[in-house]
Amino acid sequence: MKKFLSLIVLTSLFFVSCSSDGERGPQGPAGEDGIDGLDGLGYTYERTINFDYFSDANLYSQLIEIPDDVATFEPESDAVLVYRLEILDADDGGTIDSWSLIPQNFFIGDGTIQYVYNHTVSDVEIIIDGNFDLSNLSSEFIDNQTFRIVVLPSATFEANADVDFSNFGEVQKRFDLDIK
């Protein structure tokens, strides 16, 4: 019985390992056209800023210019996402960079502050707004704040509905973004 089983296994291996060159099969259906403008799927750049206080509006604000080489930027249709860096302590004693999509809220002793933004064709304005007198806001919220700004063609959202845009790492990986 062992010899018979061995013969079947060897015969099977022989037939599996043999390849024959036959006629090529029929052509498959043509693929769908790609979405125009998605060769360079997006643009991202990073800036570290210090906020300016505006007492008449009781808020902090800073303008960040959009670089000239953002050639595909169309403010009527493209999306602008802004992420704020927070450096966290790691379990091993080091640090970890954590990027959060804004708007982002902080609940502090005096009340609540919120990082928000708006954009035009030429710049992104990042604002710190709050529900109390912000004139003495701690420097940890206003000095040396690092932001990543991502410009994505609006067609990107339709084609990538499954992407979690609140997660910068996922956005960066999906759209192969380099930081400028």
N, C-alpha and C. Protein backbone atom coordinates (compact mmCIF):
# COMPACT_ATOMS: atom_id res chain seq x y z
N MET A 1 0.82 -1.18 0.00
CA MET A 1 0.00 0.00 0.00
C MET A 1 0.87 1.26 0.00
N LYS A 2 2.00 1.18 0.77
CA LYS A 2 2.89 2.34 0.82
C LYS A 2 3.47 2.63 -0.55
N LYS A 3 3.84 1.59 -1.30
CA LYS A 3 4.41 1.77 -2.62
C LYS A 3 3.38 2.40 -3.56
N PHE A 4 2.12 1.95 -3.46
CA PHE A 4 1.07 2.48 -4.32
C PHE A 4 0.82 3.96 -4.03
N LEU A 5 0.79 4.31 -2.74
CA LEU A 5 0.60 5.71 -2.33
C LEU A 5 1.77 6.56 -2.79
N SER A 6 2.99 6.06 -2.66
CA SER A 6 4.18 6.78 -3.11
C SER A 6 4.14 7.01 -4.61
N LEU A 7 3.69 5.99 -5.37
CA LEU A 7 3.59 6.11 -6.81
C LEU A 7 2.57 7.20 -7.19
N ILE A 8 1.45 7.26 -6.50
CA ILE A 8 0.43 8.29 -6.78
C ILE A 8 0.99 9.68 -6.48
N VAL A 9 1.68 9.84 -5.37
CA VAL A 9 2.26 11.13 -5.00
C VAL A 9 3.30 11.56 -6.03
N LEU A 10 4.20 10.66 -6.42
CA LEU A 10 5.23 10.99 -7.40
C LEU A 10 4.61 11.34 -8.75
N THR A 11 3.61 10.60 -9.17
CA THR A 11 2.94 10.87 -10.44
C THR A 11 2.27 12.25 -10.39
N SER A 12 1.62 12.54 -9.29
CA SER A 12 0.96 13.84 -9.13
C SER A 12 1.98 14.97 -9.19
N LEU A 13 3.10 14.81 -8.51
CA LEU A 13 4.13 15.83 -8.52
C LEU A 13 4.69 16.03 -9.92
N PHE A 14 4.83 14.92 -10.68
CA PHE A 14 5.33 15.01 -12.04
C PHE A 14 4.39 15.84 -12.91
N PHE A 15 3.10 15.57 -12.82
CA PHE A 15 2.13 16.29 -13.65
C PHE A 15 2.00 17.76 -13.22
N VAL A 16 2.09 18.02 -11.94
CA VAL A 16 1.99 19.39 -11.45
C VAL A 16 3.20 20.20 -11.89
N SER A 17 4.37 19.59 -11.88
CA SER A 17 5.60 20.33 -12.21
C SER A 17 5.77 20.54 -13.70
N CYS A 18 5.09 19.75 -14.53
CA CYS A 18 5.19 19.93 -15.97
C CYS A 18 4.38 21.14 -16.39
N SER A 19 4.98 21.93 -17.23
CA SER A 19 4.22 23.07 -17.77
C SER A 19 4.20 22.94 -19.26
N SER A 20 3.09 23.30 -19.82
CA SER A 20 3.00 23.24 -21.28
C SER A 20 2.77 24.64 -21.81
N ASP A 21 3.39 24.89 -22.93
CA ASP A 21 3.17 26.17 -23.59
C ASP A 21 2.05 25.98 -24.59
N GLY A 22 0.93 26.59 -24.29
CA GLY A 22 -0.21 26.49 -25.19
C GLY A 22 -0.52 27.85 -25.77
N GLU A 23 -1.65 27.91 -26.39
CA GLU A 23 -2.07 29.19 -26.94
C GLU A 23 -2.40 30.16 -25.81
N ARG A 24 -2.15 31.41 -26.09
CA ARG A 24 -2.47 32.46 -25.11
C ARG A 24 -3.98 32.62 -25.05
N GLY A 25 -4.48 32.82 -23.87
CA GLY A 25 -5.92 33.00 -23.67
C GLY A 25 -6.41 34.32 -24.23
N PRO A 26 -7.71 34.52 -24.22
CA PRO A 26 -8.27 35.76 -24.78
C PRO A 26 -7.92 36.96 -23.90
N GLN A 27 -7.87 38.13 -24.53
CA GLN A 27 -7.57 39.38 -23.83
C GLN A 27 -8.69 39.67 -22.83
N GLY A 28 -8.33 40.09 -21.64
CA GLY A 28 -9.31 40.46 -20.63
C GLY A 28 -9.93 41.81 -20.95
N PRO A 29 -10.98 42.18 -20.22
CA PRO A 29 -11.63 43.47 -20.49
C PRO A 29 -10.69 44.62 -20.11
N ALA A 30 -10.85 45.73 -20.80
CA ALA A 30 -10.03 46.91 -20.51
C ALA A 30 -10.37 47.44 -19.12
N GLY A 31 -9.37 47.94 -18.41
CA GLY A 31 -9.59 48.52 -17.09
C GLY A 31 -10.22 49.89 -17.21
N GLU A 32 -10.74 50.39 -16.09
CA GLU A 32 -11.35 51.71 -16.08
C GLU A 32 -10.27 52.78 -16.17
N ASP A 33 -10.62 53.89 -16.78
CA ASP A 33 -9.69 55.01 -16.85
C ASP A 33 -9.40 55.52 -15.45
N GLY A 34 -8.16 55.96 -15.24
CA GLY A 34 -7.80 56.55 -13.96
C GLY A 34 -8.41 57.93 -13.81
N ILE A 35 -8.37 58.46 -12.60
CA ILE A 35 -8.90 59.79 -12.34
C ILE A 35 -7.82 60.80 -12.68
N ASP A 36 -8.15 61.75 -13.56
CA ASP A 36 -7.18 62.77 -13.95
C ASP A 36 -6.67 63.54 -12.75
N GLY A 37 -5.39 63.86 -12.79
CA GLY A 37 -4.81 64.70 -11.74
C GLY A 37 -4.34 63.93 -10.53
N LEU A 38 -4.45 62.61 -10.53
CA LEU A 38 -4.05 61.86 -9.35
C LEU A 38 -2.70 61.18 -9.51
N ASP A 39 -1.92 61.60 -10.52
CA ASP A 39 -0.57 61.05 -10.64
C ASP A 39 0.25 61.43 -9.43
N GLY A 40 0.24 62.72 -9.07
CA GLY A 40 0.78 63.18 -7.81
C GLY A 40 -0.42 63.35 -6.92
N LEU A 41 -0.68 62.40 -6.05
CA LEU A 41 -1.96 62.34 -5.36
C LEU A 41 -2.20 63.45 -4.37
N GLY A 42 -1.20 64.16 -3.98
CA GLY A 42 -1.39 65.24 -3.03
C GLY A 42 -0.08 65.91 -2.73
N TYR A 43 -0.17 66.88 -1.87
CA TYR A 43 1.00 67.66 -1.51
C TYR A 43 0.92 67.93 -0.02
N THR A 44 2.04 67.80 0.67
CA THR A 44 2.05 68.09 2.10
C THR A 44 3.29 68.89 2.45
N TYR A 45 3.14 69.78 3.40
CA TYR A 45 4.29 70.52 3.90
C TYR A 45 4.10 70.78 5.39
N GLU A 46 5.20 71.04 6.05
CA GLU A 46 5.22 71.16 7.50
C GLU A 46 5.78 72.52 7.89
N ARG A 47 5.16 73.15 8.88
CA ARG A 47 5.62 74.45 9.37
C ARG A 47 5.52 74.48 10.90
N THR A 48 6.53 75.11 11.53
CA THR A 48 6.50 75.37 12.97
C THR A 48 6.29 76.86 13.15
N ILE A 49 5.29 77.22 13.96
CA ILE A 49 4.90 78.63 14.08
C ILE A 49 4.74 79.03 15.53
N ASN A 50 4.75 80.36 15.75
CA ASN A 50 4.35 80.98 17.00
C ASN A 50 3.11 81.81 16.68
N PHE A 51 2.09 81.67 17.49
CA PHE A 51 0.83 82.39 17.25
C PHE A 51 0.91 83.83 17.72
N ASP A 52 0.18 84.70 17.03
CA ASP A 52 0.02 86.11 17.42
C ASP A 52 -1.34 86.26 18.09
N TYR A 53 -1.39 87.06 19.17
CA TYR A 53 -2.65 87.29 19.88
C TYR A 53 -3.34 88.54 19.33
N PHE A 54 -4.64 88.44 19.12
CA PHE A 54 -5.46 89.56 18.66
C PHE A 54 -6.51 89.85 19.73
N SER A 55 -6.23 90.90 20.54
CA SER A 55 -7.09 91.20 21.69
C SER A 55 -8.50 91.60 21.28
N ASP A 56 -8.65 92.28 20.13
CA ASP A 56 -9.99 92.69 19.72
C ASP A 56 -10.91 91.50 19.44
N ALA A 57 -10.36 90.37 19.07
CA ALA A 57 -11.15 89.17 18.80
C ALA A 57 -10.95 88.09 19.85
N ASN A 58 -10.01 88.33 20.78
CA ASN A 58 -9.67 87.36 21.82
C ASN A 58 -9.35 85.99 21.22
N LEU A 59 -8.39 85.99 20.29
CA LEU A 59 -7.95 84.74 19.70
C LEU A 59 -6.51 84.86 19.25
N TYR A 60 -5.90 83.70 19.04
CA TYR A 60 -4.56 83.62 18.47
C TYR A 60 -4.70 83.17 17.02
N SER A 61 -3.81 83.68 16.17
CA SER A 61 -3.89 83.34 14.76
C SER A 61 -2.51 83.41 14.13
N GLN A 62 -2.35 82.64 13.06
CA GLN A 62 -1.13 82.71 12.26
C GLN A 62 -1.46 82.24 10.84
N LEU A 63 -0.94 82.98 9.86
CA LEU A 63 -1.11 82.60 8.46
C LEU A 63 0.09 81.79 8.01
N ILE A 64 -0.18 80.74 7.28
CA ILE A 64 0.87 79.92 6.67
C ILE A 64 0.62 79.96 5.17
N GLU A 65 1.60 80.45 4.43
CA GLU A 65 1.44 80.54 2.98
C GLU A 65 1.48 79.16 2.34
N ILE A 66 0.66 79.00 1.31
CA ILE A 66 0.70 77.79 0.52
C ILE A 66 1.82 77.95 -0.50
N PRO A 67 2.77 77.03 -0.55
CA PRO A 67 3.91 77.16 -1.48
C PRO A 67 3.45 77.26 -2.93
N ASP A 68 4.22 77.99 -3.72
CA ASP A 68 3.90 78.20 -5.13
C ASP A 68 3.86 76.91 -5.94
N ASP A 69 4.61 75.90 -5.50
CA ASP A 69 4.66 74.67 -6.30
C ASP A 69 3.49 73.73 -6.06
N VAL A 70 2.45 74.21 -5.38
CA VAL A 70 1.22 73.44 -5.27
C VAL A 70 0.40 73.78 -6.52
N ALA A 71 0.84 73.23 -7.64
CA ALA A 71 0.31 73.63 -8.95
C ALA A 71 -1.15 73.23 -9.15
N THR A 72 -1.59 72.13 -8.57
CA THR A 72 -2.94 71.66 -8.83
C THR A 72 -3.96 72.21 -7.86
N PHE A 73 -3.54 73.09 -6.99
CA PHE A 73 -4.43 73.58 -5.95
C PHE A 73 -5.56 74.41 -6.55
N GLU A 74 -6.77 73.96 -6.33
CA GLU A 74 -7.96 74.68 -6.76
C GLU A 74 -8.86 74.81 -5.54
N PRO A 75 -8.87 75.97 -4.88
CA PRO A 75 -9.57 76.09 -3.61
C PRO A 75 -11.05 75.77 -3.68
N GLU A 76 -11.66 75.88 -4.86
CA GLU A 76 -13.08 75.59 -4.97
C GLU A 76 -13.36 74.10 -4.85
N SER A 77 -12.37 73.27 -5.19
CA SER A 77 -12.64 71.84 -5.20
C SER A 77 -11.66 70.99 -4.40
N ASP A 78 -10.42 71.43 -4.24
CA ASP A 78 -9.45 70.62 -3.51
C ASP A 78 -9.68 70.71 -2.00
N ALA A 79 -9.23 69.69 -1.31
CA ALA A 79 -9.38 69.65 0.14
C ALA A 79 -8.06 70.01 0.81
N VAL A 80 -8.15 70.75 1.88
CA VAL A 80 -6.99 71.09 2.68
C VAL A 80 -7.21 70.50 4.07
N LEU A 81 -6.28 69.68 4.51
CA LEU A 81 -6.34 69.07 5.84
C LEU A 81 -5.16 69.60 6.65
N VAL A 82 -5.38 69.89 7.93
CA VAL A 82 -4.32 70.40 8.78
C VAL A 82 -4.21 69.49 10.00
N TYR A 83 -2.98 69.05 10.28
CA TYR A 83 -2.69 68.18 11.42
C TYR A 83 -1.75 68.90 12.37
N ARG A 84 -1.97 68.74 13.67
CA ARG A 84 -1.13 69.37 14.70
C ARG A 84 -0.29 68.29 15.37
N LEU A 85 1.00 68.60 15.58
CA LEU A 85 1.92 67.68 16.22
C LEU A 85 1.84 67.82 17.74
N GLU A 86 1.75 66.69 18.39
CA GLU A 86 1.89 66.64 19.84
C GLU A 86 2.92 65.56 20.14
N ILE A 87 3.94 65.90 20.91
CA ILE A 87 5.00 64.94 21.23
C ILE A 87 4.64 64.28 22.56
N LEU A 88 4.49 62.97 22.51
CA LEU A 88 4.07 62.20 23.68
C LEU A 88 5.25 61.43 24.27
N ASP A 89 5.19 61.18 25.55
CA ASP A 89 6.20 60.36 26.21
C ASP A 89 5.93 58.88 25.92
N ALA A 90 6.96 58.16 25.52
CA ALA A 90 6.84 56.73 25.24
C ALA A 90 7.17 55.92 26.49
N ASP A 91 6.74 54.69 26.50
CA ASP A 91 6.98 53.80 27.64
C ASP A 91 8.47 53.54 27.86
N ASP A 92 9.27 53.61 26.79
CA ASP A 92 10.70 53.32 26.89
C ASP A 92 11.52 54.54 27.30
N GLY A 93 10.86 55.65 27.65
CA GLY A 93 11.57 56.86 28.06
C GLY A 93 11.79 57.84 26.93
N GLY A 94 11.55 57.41 25.69
CA GLY A 94 11.70 58.31 24.54
C GLY A 94 10.42 59.09 24.29
N THR A 95 10.26 59.54 23.07
CA THR A 95 9.05 60.27 22.69
C THR A 95 8.46 59.70 21.41
N ILE A 96 7.20 60.01 21.20
CA ILE A 96 6.47 59.57 20.00
C ILE A 96 5.77 60.79 19.42
N ASP A 97 5.88 60.98 18.09
CA ASP A 97 5.14 62.03 17.41
C ASP A 97 3.71 61.57 17.18
N SER A 98 2.75 62.40 17.60
CA SER A 98 1.33 62.11 17.40
C SER A 98 0.72 63.26 16.61
N TRP A 99 0.10 62.94 15.46
CA TRP A 99 -0.50 63.95 14.59
C TRP A 99 -2.01 63.86 14.70
N SER A 100 -2.64 64.98 15.04
CA SER A 100 -4.10 65.02 15.18
C SER A 100 -4.69 66.00 14.19
N LEU A 101 -5.73 65.55 13.48
CA LEU A 101 -6.45 66.40 12.55
C LEU A 101 -7.18 67.48 13.34
N ILE A 102 -7.05 68.74 12.90
CA ILE A 102 -7.81 69.78 13.58
C ILE A 102 -9.08 70.05 12.78
N PRO A 103 -10.18 70.42 13.45
CA PRO A 103 -10.24 71.04 14.77
C PRO A 103 -9.89 70.05 15.89
N GLN A 104 -9.28 70.63 16.92
CA GLN A 104 -8.85 69.87 18.08
C GLN A 104 -9.16 70.69 19.32
N ASN A 105 -9.83 70.09 20.30
CA ASN A 105 -10.22 70.77 21.53
C ASN A 105 -9.32 70.40 22.69
N PHE A 106 -9.13 71.38 23.60
CA PHE A 106 -8.43 71.13 24.86
C PHE A 106 -9.27 71.73 25.98
N PHE A 107 -9.50 70.94 27.01
CA PHE A 107 -10.25 71.38 28.17
C PHE A 107 -9.25 71.65 29.28
N ILE A 108 -9.04 72.93 29.58
CA ILE A 108 -8.06 73.33 30.58
C ILE A 108 -8.76 74.03 31.73
N GLY A 109 -8.02 74.38 32.76
CA GLY A 109 -8.60 74.94 33.97
C GLY A 109 -9.51 76.14 33.75
N ASP A 110 -9.14 77.05 32.83
CA ASP A 110 -9.93 78.26 32.60
C ASP A 110 -11.13 78.05 31.69
N GLY A 111 -11.13 76.98 30.91
CA GLY A 111 -12.22 76.73 29.96
C GLY A 111 -11.76 75.83 28.83
N THR A 112 -12.28 76.09 27.66
CA THR A 112 -11.99 75.27 26.50
C THR A 112 -11.33 76.11 25.42
N ILE A 113 -10.28 75.54 24.79
CA ILE A 113 -9.70 76.17 23.60
C ILE A 113 -9.84 75.19 22.45
N GLN A 114 -9.82 75.73 21.24
CA GLN A 114 -9.95 74.90 20.06
C GLN A 114 -9.05 75.43 18.97
N TYR A 115 -8.26 74.52 18.38
CA TYR A 115 -7.50 74.84 17.17
C TYR A 115 -8.45 74.62 15.99
N VAL A 116 -8.58 75.62 15.14
CA VAL A 116 -9.39 75.54 13.92
C VAL A 116 -8.59 76.15 12.78
N TYR A 117 -9.07 76.02 11.57
CA TYR A 117 -8.37 76.63 10.43
C TYR A 117 -9.35 76.96 9.32
N ASN A 118 -8.90 77.85 8.45
CA ASN A 118 -9.59 78.11 7.19
C ASN A 118 -8.52 78.37 6.15
N HIS A 119 -8.90 78.35 4.88
CA HIS A 119 -7.88 78.54 3.85
C HIS A 119 -8.42 79.33 2.68
N THR A 120 -7.49 79.94 1.95
CA THR A 120 -7.78 80.65 0.71
C THR A 120 -6.89 80.03 -0.36
N VAL A 121 -6.83 80.67 -1.51
CA VAL A 121 -5.96 80.19 -2.59
C VAL A 121 -4.49 80.26 -2.18
N SER A 122 -4.13 81.23 -1.36
CA SER A 122 -2.72 81.47 -1.09
C SER A 122 -2.25 81.13 0.32
N ASP A 123 -3.17 80.88 1.25
CA ASP A 123 -2.71 80.62 2.61
C ASP A 123 -3.71 79.79 3.41
N VAL A 124 -3.19 79.31 4.55
CA VAL A 124 -4.01 78.61 5.54
C VAL A 124 -3.88 79.42 6.82
N GLU A 125 -5.01 79.77 7.42
CA GLU A 125 -4.99 80.48 8.70
C GLU A 125 -5.34 79.48 9.79
N ILE A 126 -4.44 79.37 10.76
CA ILE A 126 -4.69 78.51 11.91
C ILE A 126 -5.03 79.41 13.09
N ILE A 127 -6.10 79.08 13.80
CA ILE A 127 -6.64 79.93 14.86
C ILE A 127 -6.78 79.11 16.13
N ILE A 128 -6.49 79.78 17.27
CA ILE A 128 -6.83 79.22 18.58
C ILE A 128 -7.95 80.08 19.13
N ASP A 129 -9.10 79.47 19.32
CA ASP A 129 -10.28 80.16 19.84
C ASP A 129 -10.60 79.56 21.20
N GLY A 130 -11.31 80.31 22.04
CA GLY A 130 -11.64 79.80 23.36
C GLY A 130 -12.85 80.49 23.94
N ASN A 131 -13.30 79.98 25.08
CA ASN A 131 -14.48 80.54 25.74
C ASN A 131 -14.11 81.30 27.02
N PHE A 132 -12.88 81.85 27.08
CA PHE A 132 -12.42 82.65 28.20
C PHE A 132 -11.36 83.61 27.68
N ASP A 133 -10.86 84.50 28.51
CA ASP A 133 -9.83 85.46 28.10
C ASP A 133 -8.54 84.70 27.79
N LEU A 134 -8.14 84.73 26.52
CA LEU A 134 -6.98 83.95 26.07
C LEU A 134 -5.66 84.70 26.17
N SER A 135 -5.69 85.93 26.66
CA SER A 135 -4.47 86.75 26.66
C SER A 135 -3.33 86.13 27.47
N ASN A 136 -3.64 85.29 28.43
CA ASN A 136 -2.59 84.65 29.24
C ASN A 136 -2.51 83.15 29.00
N LEU A 137 -2.88 82.72 27.80
CA LEU A 137 -2.82 81.29 27.48
C LEU A 137 -1.39 80.79 27.58
N SER A 138 -1.23 79.61 28.11
CA SER A 138 0.09 79.01 28.31
C SER A 138 0.84 78.89 26.98
N SER A 139 2.14 79.15 27.04
CA SER A 139 2.98 79.09 25.84
C SER A 139 3.02 77.68 25.23
N GLU A 140 2.69 76.65 25.99
CA GLU A 140 2.68 75.29 25.43
C GLU A 140 1.67 75.14 24.31
N PHE A 141 0.69 76.05 24.23
CA PHE A 141 -0.32 76.00 23.17
C PHE A 141 -0.04 76.97 22.03
N ILE A 142 0.82 77.97 22.27
CA ILE A 142 0.99 79.03 21.26
C ILE A 142 2.39 79.13 20.65
N ASP A 143 3.41 78.65 21.32
CA ASP A 143 4.79 78.76 20.82
C ASP A 143 5.28 77.43 20.26
N ASN A 144 6.05 77.53 19.17
CA ASN A 144 6.68 76.35 18.55
C ASN A 144 5.69 75.23 18.28
N GLN A 145 4.57 75.58 17.69
CA GLN A 145 3.56 74.60 17.31
C GLN A 145 3.82 74.15 15.87
N THR A 146 3.85 72.84 15.67
CA THR A 146 4.15 72.29 14.35
C THR A 146 2.87 71.74 13.72
N PHE A 147 2.68 72.11 12.45
CA PHE A 147 1.50 71.68 11.70
C PHE A 147 1.93 71.09 10.37
N ARG A 148 1.18 70.09 9.93
CA ARG A 148 1.33 69.55 8.59
C ARG A 148 0.08 69.89 7.81
N ILE A 149 0.28 70.49 6.65
CA ILE A 149 -0.84 70.86 5.80
C ILE A 149 -0.82 69.94 4.59
N VAL A 150 -1.96 69.32 4.31
CA VAL A 150 -2.08 68.37 3.21
C VAL A 150 -3.13 68.91 2.24
N VAL A 151 -2.75 69.03 0.96
CA VAL A 151 -3.67 69.46 -0.09
C VAL A 151 -3.94 68.25 -0.97
N LEU A 152 -5.21 67.86 -1.08
CA LEU A 152 -5.61 66.69 -1.86
C LEU A 152 -6.66 67.09 -2.89
N PRO A 153 -6.53 66.61 -4.12
CA PRO A 153 -7.58 66.86 -5.11
C PRO A 153 -8.90 66.27 -4.62
N SER A 154 -10.00 66.96 -4.87
CA SER A 154 -11.29 66.49 -4.35
C SER A 154 -11.66 65.12 -4.89
N ALA A 155 -11.24 64.79 -6.11
CA ALA A 155 -11.52 63.47 -6.67
C ALA A 155 -10.91 62.37 -5.80
N THR A 156 -9.88 62.72 -5.04
CA THR A 156 -9.24 61.76 -4.14
C THR A 156 -10.23 61.20 -3.13
N PHE A 157 -11.14 62.04 -2.65
CA PHE A 157 -12.08 61.59 -1.63
C PHE A 157 -13.06 60.57 -2.18
N GLU A 158 -13.53 60.79 -3.41
CA GLU A 158 -14.45 59.83 -4.03
C GLU A 158 -13.74 58.50 -4.25
N ALA A 159 -12.53 58.55 -4.73
CA ALA A 159 -11.79 57.32 -5.07
C ALA A 159 -11.26 56.60 -3.83
N ASN A 160 -11.23 57.28 -2.68
CA ASN A 160 -10.63 56.70 -1.47
C ASN A 160 -11.53 56.87 -0.27
N ALA A 161 -12.78 56.51 -0.43
CA ALA A 161 -13.77 56.69 0.64
C ALA A 161 -13.42 55.87 1.88
N ASP A 162 -12.60 54.83 1.72
CA ASP A 162 -12.27 53.96 2.84
C ASP A 162 -11.09 54.44 3.67
N VAL A 163 -10.47 55.57 3.31
CA VAL A 163 -9.31 56.09 4.03
C VAL A 163 -9.78 56.89 5.25
N ASP A 164 -9.14 56.68 6.39
CA ASP A 164 -9.43 57.45 7.60
C ASP A 164 -8.60 58.73 7.54
N PHE A 165 -9.20 59.83 7.06
CA PHE A 165 -8.47 61.07 6.87
C PHE A 165 -8.06 61.72 8.19
N SER A 166 -8.62 61.27 9.32
CA SER A 166 -8.20 61.83 10.61
C SER A 166 -6.87 61.24 11.06
N ASN A 167 -6.40 60.19 10.40
CA ASN A 167 -5.15 59.53 10.75
C ASN A 167 -4.08 59.93 9.74
N PHE A 168 -3.17 60.83 10.14
CA PHE A 168 -2.17 61.34 9.21
C PHE A 168 -1.30 60.23 8.63
N GLY A 169 -0.92 59.27 9.44
CA GLY A 169 -0.08 58.17 8.96
C GLY A 169 -0.75 57.40 7.83
N GLU A 170 -2.05 57.15 7.96
CA GLU A 170 -2.78 56.44 6.92
C GLU A 170 -2.88 57.28 5.65
N VAL A 171 -3.14 58.58 5.79
CA VAL A 171 -3.21 59.49 4.65
C VAL A 171 -1.85 59.55 3.94
N GLN A 172 -0.78 59.69 4.73
CA GLN A 172 0.56 59.78 4.16
C GLN A 172 0.92 58.50 3.39
N LYS A 173 0.61 57.36 3.97
CA LYS A 173 0.93 56.09 3.32
C LYS A 173 0.08 55.89 2.06
N ARG A 174 -1.22 56.15 2.13
CA ARG A 174 -2.11 55.91 0.98
C ARG A 174 -1.76 56.79 -0.21
N PHE A 175 -1.39 58.05 0.06
CA PHE A 175 -1.15 58.99 -1.02
C PHE A 175 0.34 59.23 -1.27
N ASP A 176 1.18 58.43 -0.61
CA ASP A 176 2.63 58.50 -0.80
C ASP A 176 3.13 59.94 -0.74
N LEU A 177 2.80 60.61 0.38
CA LEU A 177 3.11 62.02 0.54
C LEU A 177 4.51 62.22 1.10
N ASP A 178 5.26 63.11 0.48
CA ASP A 178 6.55 63.54 1.02
C ASP A 178 6.33 64.85 1.74
N ILE A 179 7.05 65.07 2.82
CA ILE A 179 6.92 66.31 3.59
C ILE A 179 7.94 67.31 3.11
N LYS A 180 7.49 68.49 2.79
CA LYS A 180 8.37 69.53 2.27
C LYS A 180 8.61 70.58 3.32
